[in-house]
């Protein structure tokens, strides 16, 4: 985190694309789960989509890269969406 870089070399194929994000958001909206487990968060696009799908769901993301663990929280706070971080655990 101090060096402000990830442990791995990632490509865009690793990220959730916009269509997949809408699909995840809709699934969470329809299923109304209390908790969602995400394995591999990357930049958090999918996690945020699921958080947006339900105003009460808790999303737990498993991520191995220490930089990315704090990066999403920082981005959401900077964007004025800090309330989403209260329902997201990494």
PDB file of N, CA and C in Angstrom:
ATOM      1  N   UNK A   1       0.842  -1.189   0.000  1.00  0.00           N
ATOM      2  CA  UNK A   1       0.000   0.000   0.000  1.00  0.00           C
ATOM      3  C   UNK A   1       0.886   1.250   0.000  1.00  0.00           C
ATOM      4  N   UNK A   2       1.935   1.229   0.771  1.00  0.00           N
ATOM      5  CA  UNK A   2       2.817   2.393   0.865  1.00  0.00           C
ATOM      6  C   UNK A   2       3.451   2.725  -0.488  1.00  0.00           C
ATOM      7  N   UNK A   3       3.706   1.707  -1.292  1.00  0.00           N
ATOM      8  CA  UNK A   3       4.300   1.930  -2.614  1.00  0.00           C
ATOM      9  C   UNK A   3       3.250   2.272  -3.663  1.00  0.00           C
ATOM     10  N   UNK A   4       1.968   2.178  -3.288  1.00  0.00           N
ATOM     11  CA  UNK A   4       0.837   2.510  -4.146  1.00  0.00           C
ATOM     12  C   UNK A   4       0.838   1.712  -5.458  1.00  0.00           C
ATOM     13  N   UNK A   5       1.005   0.399  -5.299  1.00  0.00           N
ATOM     14  CA  UNK A   5       0.928  -0.475  -6.460  1.00  0.00           C
ATOM     15  C   UNK A   5       0.449  -1.861  -6.036  1.00  0.00           C
ATOM     16  N   UNK A   6      -0.046  -2.599  -7.008  1.00  0.00           N
ATOM     17  CA  UNK A   6      -0.562  -3.928  -6.720  1.00  0.00           C
ATOM     18  C   UNK A   6       0.567  -4.948  -6.725  1.00  0.00           C
ATOM     19  N   UNK A   7       0.258  -6.136  -6.234  1.00  0.00           N
ATOM     20  CA  UNK A   7       1.221  -7.227  -6.204  1.00  0.00           C
ATOM     21  C   UNK A   7       1.371  -7.885  -7.569  1.00  0.00           C
ATOM     22  N   UNK A   8       0.330  -7.780  -8.395  1.00  0.00           N
ATOM     23  CA  UNK A   8       0.261  -8.530  -9.637  1.00  0.00           C
ATOM     24  C   UNK A   8       0.102  -7.611 -10.834  1.00  0.00           C
ATOM     25  N   UNK A   9       0.327  -8.162 -12.004  1.00  0.00           N
ATOM     26  CA  UNK A   9       0.074  -7.443 -13.248  1.00  0.00           C
ATOM     27  C   UNK A   9      -1.303  -7.864 -13.746  1.00  0.00           C
ATOM     28  N   UNK A  10      -2.228  -6.918 -13.776  1.00  0.00           N
ATOM     29  CA  UNK A  10      -3.604  -7.223 -14.159  1.00  0.00           C
ATOM     30  C   UNK A  10      -3.895  -6.685 -15.543  1.00  0.00           C
ATOM     31  N   UNK A  11      -4.811  -7.348 -16.226  1.00  0.00           N
ATOM     32  CA  UNK A  11      -5.313  -6.856 -17.500  1.00  0.00           C
ATOM     33  C   UNK A  11      -6.785  -6.530 -17.352  1.00  0.00           C
ATOM     34  N   UNK A  12      -7.332  -5.837 -18.331  1.00  0.00           N
ATOM     35  CA  UNK A  12      -8.736  -5.427 -18.247  1.00  0.00           C
ATOM     36  C   UNK A  12      -9.687  -6.613 -18.242  1.00  0.00           C
ATOM     37  N   UNK A  13      -9.234  -7.771 -18.716  1.00  0.00           N
ATOM     38  CA  UNK A  13     -10.086  -8.966 -18.705  1.00  0.00           C
ATOM     39  C   UNK A  13     -10.388  -9.446 -17.285  1.00  0.00           C
ATOM     40  N   UNK A  14      -9.632  -8.950 -16.319  1.00  0.00           N
ATOM     41  CA  UNK A  14      -9.852  -9.333 -14.928  1.00  0.00           C
ATOM     42  C   UNK A  14     -11.010  -8.568 -14.295  1.00  0.00           C
ATOM     43  N   UNK A  15     -11.375  -7.448 -14.877  1.00  0.00           N
ATOM     44  CA  UNK A  15     -12.392  -6.581 -14.287  1.00  0.00           C
ATOM     45  C   UNK A  15     -13.790  -6.957 -14.758  1.00  0.00           C
ATOM     46  N   UNK A  16     -14.774  -6.671 -13.922  1.00  0.00           N
ATOM     47  CA  UNK A  16     -16.172  -6.853 -14.281  1.00  0.00           C
ATOM     48  C   UNK A  16     -16.521  -5.809 -15.332  1.00  0.00           C
ATOM     49  N   UNK A  17     -17.118  -6.244 -16.445  1.00  0.00           N
ATOM     50  CA  UNK A  17     -17.509  -5.255 -17.446  1.00  0.00           C
ATOM     51  C   UNK A  17     -18.896  -4.699 -17.098  1.00  0.00           C
ATOM     52  N   UNK A  18     -19.325  -3.608 -17.738  1.00  0.00           N
ATOM     53  CA  UNK A  18     -20.595  -2.973 -17.381  1.00  0.00           C
ATOM     54  C   UNK A  18     -21.818  -3.896 -17.481  1.00  0.00           C
ATOM     55  N   UNK A  19     -21.867  -4.766 -18.477  1.00  0.00           N
ATOM     56  CA  UNK A  19     -22.997  -5.679 -18.611  1.00  0.00           C
ATOM     57  C   UNK A  19     -23.025  -6.677 -17.456  1.00  0.00           C
ATOM     58  N   UNK A  20     -21.870  -7.208 -17.093  1.00  0.00           N
ATOM     59  CA  UNK A  20     -21.795  -8.127 -15.957  1.00  0.00           C
ATOM     60  C   UNK A  20     -22.188  -7.420 -14.657  1.00  0.00           C
ATOM     61  N   UNK A  21     -21.798  -6.160 -14.517  1.00  0.00           N
ATOM     62  CA  UNK A  21     -22.139  -5.405 -13.310  1.00  0.00           C
ATOM     63  C   UNK A  21     -23.647  -5.224 -13.188  1.00  0.00           C
ATOM     64  N   UNK A  22     -24.305  -4.915 -14.303  1.00  0.00           N
ATOM     65  CA  UNK A  22     -25.771  -4.764 -14.278  1.00  0.00           C
ATOM     66  C   UNK A  22     -26.426  -6.094 -13.926  1.00  0.00           C
ATOM     67  N   UNK A  23     -25.875  -7.186 -14.450  1.00  0.00           N
ATOM     68  CA  UNK A  23     -26.404  -8.512 -14.153  1.00  0.00           C
ATOM     69  C   UNK A  23     -26.263  -8.833 -12.656  1.00  0.00           C
ATOM     70  N   UNK A  24     -25.091  -8.574 -12.082  1.00  0.00           N
ATOM     71  CA  UNK A  24     -24.879  -8.805 -10.649  1.00  0.00           C
ATOM     72  C   UNK A  24     -25.822  -7.950  -9.802  1.00  0.00           C
ATOM     73  N   UNK A  25     -25.971  -6.703 -10.198  1.00  0.00           N
ATOM     74  CA  UNK A  25     -26.866  -5.793  -9.479  1.00  0.00           C
ATOM     75  C   UNK A  25     -28.301  -6.317  -9.507  1.00  0.00           C
ATOM     76  N   UNK A  26     -28.738  -6.789 -10.661  1.00  0.00           N
ATOM     77  CA  UNK A  26     -30.101  -7.308 -10.807  1.00  0.00           C
ATOM     78  C   UNK A  26     -30.292  -8.596  -9.999  1.00  0.00           C
ATOM     79  N   UNK A  27     -29.290  -9.475 -10.013  1.00  0.00           N
ATOM     80  CA  UNK A  27     -29.386 -10.704  -9.221  1.00  0.00           C
ATOM     81  C   UNK A  27     -29.555 -10.395  -7.734  1.00  0.00           C
ATOM     82  N   UNK A  28     -28.773  -9.452  -7.229  1.00  0.00           N
ATOM     83  CA  UNK A  28     -28.871  -9.085  -5.822  1.00  0.00           C
ATOM     84  C   UNK A  28     -30.219  -8.429  -5.538  1.00  0.00           C
ATOM     85  N   UNK A  29     -30.689  -7.616  -6.469  1.00  0.00           N
ATOM     86  CA  UNK A  29     -31.992  -6.972  -6.307  1.00  0.00           C
ATOM     87  C   UNK A  29     -33.109  -8.014  -6.207  1.00  0.00           C
ATOM     88  N   UNK A  30     -33.072  -9.024  -7.085  1.00  0.00           N
ATOM     89  CA  UNK A  30     -34.134 -10.035  -7.120  1.00  0.00           C
ATOM     90  C   UNK A  30     -34.049 -11.014  -5.951  1.00  0.00           C
ATOM     91  N   UNK A  31     -32.841 -11.434  -5.594  1.00  0.00           N
ATOM     92  CA  UNK A  31     -32.674 -12.451  -4.549  1.00  0.00           C
ATOM     93  C   UNK A  31     -32.796 -11.874  -3.134  1.00  0.00           C
ATOM     94  N   UNK A  32     -32.509 -10.595  -2.983  1.00  0.00           N
ATOM     95  CA  UNK A  32     -32.566  -9.922  -1.679  1.00  0.00           C
ATOM     96  C   UNK A  32     -31.786 -10.659  -0.575  1.00  0.00           C
ATOM     97  N   UNK A  33     -30.514 -10.987  -0.850  1.00  0.00           N
ATOM     98  CA  UNK A  33     -29.722 -11.685   0.184  1.00  0.00           C
ATOM     99  C   UNK A  33     -29.334 -10.736   1.314  1.00  0.00           C
ATOM    100  N   UNK A  34     -29.033 -11.325   2.467  1.00  0.00           N
ATOM    101  CA  UNK A  34     -28.507 -10.521   3.571  1.00  0.00           C
ATOM    102  C   UNK A  34     -27.015 -10.314   3.393  1.00  0.00           C
ATOM    103  N   UNK A  35     -26.330 -11.358   2.893  1.00  0.00           N
ATOM    104  CA  UNK A  35     -24.878 -11.293   2.678  1.00  0.00           C
ATOM    105  C   UNK A  35     -24.534 -11.908   1.336  1.00  0.00           C
ATOM    106  N   UNK A  36     -23.487 -11.368   0.715  1.00  0.00           N
ATOM    107  CA  UNK A  36     -22.975 -11.874  -0.556  1.00  0.00           C
ATOM    108  C   UNK A  36     -21.479 -12.094  -0.379  1.00  0.00           C
ATOM    109  N   UNK A  37     -20.983 -13.231  -0.833  1.00  0.00           N
ATOM    110  CA  UNK A  37     -19.548 -13.509  -0.797  1.00  0.00           C
ATOM    111  C   UNK A  37     -18.990 -13.359  -2.205  1.00  0.00           C
ATOM    112  N   UNK A  38     -18.011 -12.497  -2.352  1.00  0.00           N
ATOM    113  CA  UNK A  38     -17.337 -12.281  -3.631  1.00  0.00           C
ATOM    114  C   UNK A  38     -15.909 -12.795  -3.495  1.00  0.00           C
ATOM    115  N   UNK A  39     -15.501 -13.654  -4.404  1.00  0.00           N
ATOM    116  CA  UNK A  39     -14.145 -14.194  -4.377  1.00  0.00           C
ATOM    117  C   UNK A  39     -13.354 -13.527  -5.495  1.00  0.00           C
ATOM    118  N   UNK A  40     -12.391 -12.710  -5.110  1.00  0.00           N
ATOM    119  CA  UNK A  40     -11.603 -11.947  -6.068  1.00  0.00           C
ATOM    120  C   UNK A  40     -12.270 -10.624  -6.397  1.00  0.00           C
ATOM    121  N   UNK A  41     -11.917  -9.584  -5.700  1.00  0.00           N
ATOM    122  CA  UNK A  41     -12.575  -8.289  -5.849  1.00  0.00           C
ATOM    123  C   UNK A  41     -12.011  -7.465  -6.996  1.00  0.00           C
ATOM    124  N   UNK A  42     -10.718  -7.572  -7.266  1.00  0.00           N
ATOM    125  CA  UNK A  42      -9.982  -6.730  -8.204  1.00  0.00           C
ATOM    126  C   UNK A  42     -10.223  -5.266  -7.859  1.00  0.00           C
ATOM    127  N   UNK A  43     -10.825  -4.451  -8.703  1.00  0.00           N
ATOM    128  CA  UNK A  43     -10.995  -3.025  -8.393  1.00  0.00           C
ATOM    129  C   UNK A  43     -12.309  -2.724  -7.686  1.00  0.00           C
ATOM    130  N   UNK A  44     -13.164  -3.722  -7.499  1.00  0.00           N
ATOM    131  CA  UNK A  44     -14.382  -3.528  -6.730  1.00  0.00           C
ATOM    132  C   UNK A  44     -15.614  -3.146  -7.522  1.00  0.00           C
ATOM    133  N   UNK A  45     -15.527  -3.148  -8.846  1.00  0.00           N
ATOM    134  CA  UNK A  45     -16.670  -2.759  -9.680  1.00  0.00           C
ATOM    135  C   UNK A  45     -17.859  -3.682  -9.438  1.00  0.00           C
ATOM    136  N   UNK A  46     -17.616  -4.977  -9.384  1.00  0.00           N
ATOM    137  CA  UNK A  46     -18.686  -5.939  -9.123  1.00  0.00           C
ATOM    138  C   UNK A  46     -19.245  -5.796  -7.718  1.00  0.00           C
ATOM    139  N   UNK A  47     -18.377  -5.558  -6.746  1.00  0.00           N
ATOM    140  CA  UNK A  47     -18.821  -5.385  -5.357  1.00  0.00           C
ATOM    141  C   UNK A  47     -19.742  -4.177  -5.231  1.00  0.00           C
ATOM    142  N   UNK A  48     -19.378  -3.080  -5.866  1.00  0.00           N
ATOM    143  CA  UNK A  48     -20.201  -1.876  -5.805  1.00  0.00           C
ATOM    144  C   UNK A  48     -21.543  -2.113  -6.497  1.00  0.00           C
ATOM    145  N   UNK A  49     -21.535  -2.830  -7.615  1.00  0.00           N
ATOM    146  CA  UNK A  49     -22.790  -3.133  -8.299  1.00  0.00           C
ATOM    147  C   UNK A  49     -23.721  -3.930  -7.394  1.00  0.00           C
ATOM    148  N   UNK A  50     -23.164  -4.901  -6.681  1.00  0.00           N
ATOM    149  CA  UNK A  50     -23.991  -5.697  -5.768  1.00  0.00           C
ATOM    150  C   UNK A  50     -24.485  -4.862  -4.587  1.00  0.00           C
ATOM    151  N   UNK A  51     -23.659  -3.965  -4.082  1.00  0.00           N
ATOM    152  CA  UNK A  51     -24.080  -3.072  -3.003  1.00  0.00           C
ATOM    153  C   UNK A  51     -25.205  -2.154  -3.466  1.00  0.00           C
ATOM    154  N   UNK A  52     -25.139  -1.716  -4.709  1.00  0.00           N
ATOM    155  CA  UNK A  52     -26.189  -0.861  -5.256  1.00  0.00           C
ATOM    156  C   UNK A  52     -27.485  -1.633  -5.490  1.00  0.00           C
ATOM    157  N   UNK A  53     -27.385  -2.948  -5.692  1.00  0.00           N
ATOM    158  CA  UNK A  53     -28.556  -3.771  -5.958  1.00  0.00           C
ATOM    159  C   UNK A  53     -29.474  -3.930  -4.767  1.00  0.00           C
ATOM    160  N   UNK A  54     -28.946  -3.747  -3.589  1.00  0.00           N
ATOM    161  CA  UNK A  54     -29.748  -3.879  -2.375  1.00  0.00           C
ATOM    162  C   UNK A  54     -29.277  -2.861  -1.348  1.00  0.00           C
ATOM    163  N   UNK A  55     -30.200  -2.101  -0.779  1.00  0.00           N
ATOM    164  CA  UNK A  55     -29.790  -1.102   0.210  1.00  0.00           C
ATOM    165  C   UNK A  55     -29.399  -1.693   1.562  1.00  0.00           C
ATOM    166  N   UNK A  56     -29.610  -3.004   1.738  1.00  0.00           N
ATOM    167  CA  UNK A  56     -29.312  -3.615   3.038  1.00  0.00           C
ATOM    168  C   UNK A  56     -28.297  -4.749   2.973  1.00  0.00           C
ATOM    169  N   UNK A  57     -27.985  -5.254   1.799  1.00  0.00           N
ATOM    170  CA  UNK A  57     -27.081  -6.408   1.679  1.00  0.00           C
ATOM    171  C   UNK A  57     -25.667  -6.046   2.125  1.00  0.00           C
ATOM    172  N   UNK A  58     -25.026  -7.001   2.771  1.00  0.00           N
ATOM    173  CA  UNK A  58     -23.633  -6.897   3.183  1.00  0.00           C
ATOM    174  C   UNK A  58     -22.821  -7.683   2.162  1.00  0.00           C
ATOM    175  N   UNK A  59     -21.772  -7.087   1.591  1.00  0.00           N
ATOM    176  CA  UNK A  59     -20.915  -7.779   0.632  1.00  0.00           C
ATOM    177  C   UNK A  59     -19.559  -8.026   1.292  1.00  0.00           C
ATOM    178  N   UNK A  60     -19.143  -9.281   1.283  1.00  0.00           N
ATOM    179  CA  UNK A  60     -17.838  -9.672   1.814  1.00  0.00           C
ATOM    180  C   UNK A  60     -16.987 -10.098   0.628  1.00  0.00           C
ATOM    181  N   UNK A  61     -15.892  -9.391   0.400  1.00  0.00           N
ATOM    182  CA  UNK A  61     -15.007  -9.679  -0.725  1.00  0.00           C
ATOM    183  C   UNK A  61     -13.708 -10.288  -0.219  1.00  0.00           C
ATOM    184  N   UNK A  62     -13.296 -11.369  -0.843  1.00  0.00           N
ATOM    185  CA  UNK A  62     -12.005 -11.982  -0.533  1.00  0.00           C
ATOM    186  C   UNK A  62     -11.010 -11.503  -1.587  1.00  0.00           C
ATOM    187  N   UNK A  63      -9.959 -10.851  -1.153  1.00  0.00           N
ATOM    188  CA  UNK A  63      -8.956 -10.310  -2.068  1.00  0.00           C
ATOM    189  C   UNK A  63      -7.583 -10.532  -1.466  1.00  0.00           C
ATOM    190  N   UNK A  64      -6.662 -11.043  -2.278  1.00  0.00           N
ATOM    191  CA  UNK A  64      -5.319 -11.361  -1.803  1.00  0.00           C
ATOM    192  C   UNK A  64      -4.378 -10.151  -1.868  1.00  0.00           C
ATOM    193  N   UNK A  65      -4.646  -9.213  -2.756  1.00  0.00           N
ATOM    194  CA  UNK A  65      -3.758  -8.076  -2.966  1.00  0.00           C
ATOM    195  C   UNK A  65      -3.998  -6.993  -1.911  1.00  0.00           C
ATOM    196  N   UNK A  66      -3.017  -6.725  -1.034  1.00  0.00           N
ATOM    197  CA  UNK A  66      -3.218  -5.755   0.036  1.00  0.00           C
ATOM    198  C   UNK A  66      -3.502  -4.339  -0.474  1.00  0.00           C
ATOM    199  N   UNK A  67      -2.951  -3.967  -1.612  1.00  0.00           N
ATOM    200  CA  UNK A  67      -3.201  -2.628  -2.165  1.00  0.00           C
ATOM    201  C   UNK A  67      -4.673  -2.470  -2.526  1.00  0.00           C
ATOM    202  N   UNK A  68      -5.230  -3.473  -3.178  1.00  0.00           N
ATOM    203  CA  UNK A  68      -6.622  -3.382  -3.614  1.00  0.00           C
ATOM    204  C   UNK A  68      -7.598  -3.435  -2.448  1.00  0.00           C
ATOM    205  N   UNK A  69      -7.182  -4.034  -1.349  1.00  0.00           N
ATOM    206  CA  UNK A  69      -8.060  -4.114  -0.172  1.00  0.00           C
ATOM    207  C   UNK A  69      -8.445  -2.726   0.321  1.00  0.00           C
ATOM    208  N   UNK A  70      -7.534  -1.799   0.331  1.00  0.00           N
ATOM    209  CA  UNK A  70      -7.806  -0.447   0.806  1.00  0.00           C
ATOM    210  C   UNK A  70      -8.139   0.533  -0.320  1.00  0.00           C
ATOM    211  N   UNK A  71      -7.790   0.182  -1.539  1.00  0.00           N
ATOM    212  CA  UNK A  71      -7.985   1.080  -2.674  1.00  0.00           C
ATOM    213  C   UNK A  71      -9.455   1.401  -2.901  1.00  0.00           C
ATOM    214  N   UNK A  72     -10.323   0.397  -2.887  1.00  0.00           N
ATOM    215  CA  UNK A  72     -11.744   0.632  -3.128  1.00  0.00           C
ATOM    216  C   UNK A  72     -12.339   1.534  -2.043  1.00  0.00           C
ATOM    217  N   UNK A  73     -12.011   1.278  -0.801  1.00  0.00           N
ATOM    218  CA  UNK A  73     -12.522   2.113   0.294  1.00  0.00           C
ATOM    219  C   UNK A  73     -12.118   3.576   0.087  1.00  0.00           C
ATOM    220  N   UNK A  74     -10.884   3.793  -0.322  1.00  0.00           N
ATOM    221  CA  UNK A  74     -10.388   5.137  -0.582  1.00  0.00           C
ATOM    222  C   UNK A  74     -11.156   5.794  -1.737  1.00  0.00           C
ATOM    223  N   UNK A  75     -11.373   5.051  -2.800  1.00  0.00           N
ATOM    224  CA  UNK A  75     -12.098   5.588  -3.967  1.00  0.00           C
ATOM    225  C   UNK A  75     -13.535   5.941  -3.611  1.00  0.00           C
ATOM    226  N   UNK A  76     -14.209   5.064  -2.879  1.00  0.00           N
ATOM    227  CA  UNK A  76     -15.601   5.326  -2.503  1.00  0.00           C
ATOM    228  C   UNK A  76     -15.704   6.538  -1.579  1.00  0.00           C
ATOM    229  N   UNK A  77     -14.773   6.677  -0.666  1.00  0.00           N
ATOM    230  CA  UNK A  77     -14.778   7.835   0.228  1.00  0.00           C
ATOM    231  C   UNK A  77     -14.548   9.122  -0.553  1.00  0.00           C
ATOM    232  N   UNK A  78     -13.594   9.090  -1.488  1.00  0.00           N
ATOM    233  CA  UNK A  78     -13.307  10.271  -2.307  1.00  0.00           C
ATOM    234  C   UNK A  78     -14.494  10.651  -3.191  1.00  0.00           C
ATOM    235  N   UNK A  79     -15.286   9.656  -3.601  1.00  0.00           N
ATOM    236  CA  UNK A  79     -16.437   9.896  -4.481  1.00  0.00           C
ATOM    237  C   UNK A  79     -17.694  10.285  -3.703  1.00  0.00           C
ATOM    238  N   UNK A  80     -17.593  10.352  -2.382  1.00  0.00           N
ATOM    239  CA  UNK A  80     -18.750  10.713  -1.571  1.00  0.00           C
ATOM    240  C   UNK A  80     -19.713   9.559  -1.353  1.00  0.00           C
ATOM    241  N   UNK A  81     -19.232   8.331  -1.490  1.00  0.00           N
ATOM    242  CA  UNK A  81     -20.069   7.134  -1.317  1.00  0.00           C
ATOM    243  C   UNK A  81     -19.603   6.315  -0.117  1.00  0.00           C
ATOM    244  N   UNK A  82     -19.173   6.989   0.909  1.00  0.00           N
ATOM    245  CA  UNK A  82     -18.630   6.304   2.085  1.00  0.00           C
ATOM    246  C   UNK A  82     -19.648   5.377   2.735  1.00  0.00           C
ATOM    247  N   UNK A  83     -20.950   5.640   2.545  1.00  0.00           N
ATOM    248  CA  UNK A  83     -21.977   4.764   3.148  1.00  0.00           C
ATOM    249  C   UNK A  83     -21.884   3.346   2.597  1.00  0.00           C
ATOM    250  N   UNK A  84     -21.408   3.191   1.363  1.00  0.00           N
ATOM    251  CA  UNK A  84     -21.253   1.838   0.811  1.00  0.00           C
ATOM    252  C   UNK A  84     -20.159   1.060   1.531  1.00  0.00           C
ATOM    253  N   UNK A  85     -19.140   1.740   2.006  1.00  0.00           N
ATOM    254  CA  UNK A  85     -18.042   1.043   2.693  1.00  0.00           C
ATOM    255  C   UNK A  85     -18.503   0.444   4.016  1.00  0.00           C
ATOM    256  N   UNK A  86     -19.584   0.960   4.583  1.00  0.00           N
ATOM    257  CA  UNK A  86     -20.094   0.422   5.837  1.00  0.00           C
ATOM    258  C   UNK A  86     -20.705  -0.958   5.636  1.00  0.00           C
ATOM    259  N   UNK A  87     -21.123  -1.274   4.408  1.00  0.00           N
ATOM    260  CA  UNK A  87     -21.728  -2.585   4.113  1.00  0.00           C
ATOM    261  C   UNK A  87     -20.778  -3.480   3.318  1.00  0.00           C
ATOM    262  N   UNK A  88     -19.519  -3.063   3.161  1.00  0.00           N
ATOM    263  CA  UNK A  88     -18.545  -3.839   2.397  1.00  0.00           C
ATOM    264  C   UNK A  88     -17.374  -4.216   3.285  1.00  0.00           C
ATOM    265  N   UNK A  89     -17.115  -5.501   3.362  1.00  0.00           N
ATOM    266  CA  UNK A  89     -16.014  -6.011   4.187  1.00  0.00           C
ATOM    267  C   UNK A  89     -15.022  -6.710   3.266  1.00  0.00           C
ATOM    268  N   UNK A  90     -13.747  -6.389   3.415  1.00  0.00           N
ATOM    269  CA  UNK A  90     -12.708  -7.024   2.589  1.00  0.00           C
ATOM    270  C   UNK A  90     -11.788  -7.804   3.496  1.00  0.00           C
TER     271      UNK A  90
END
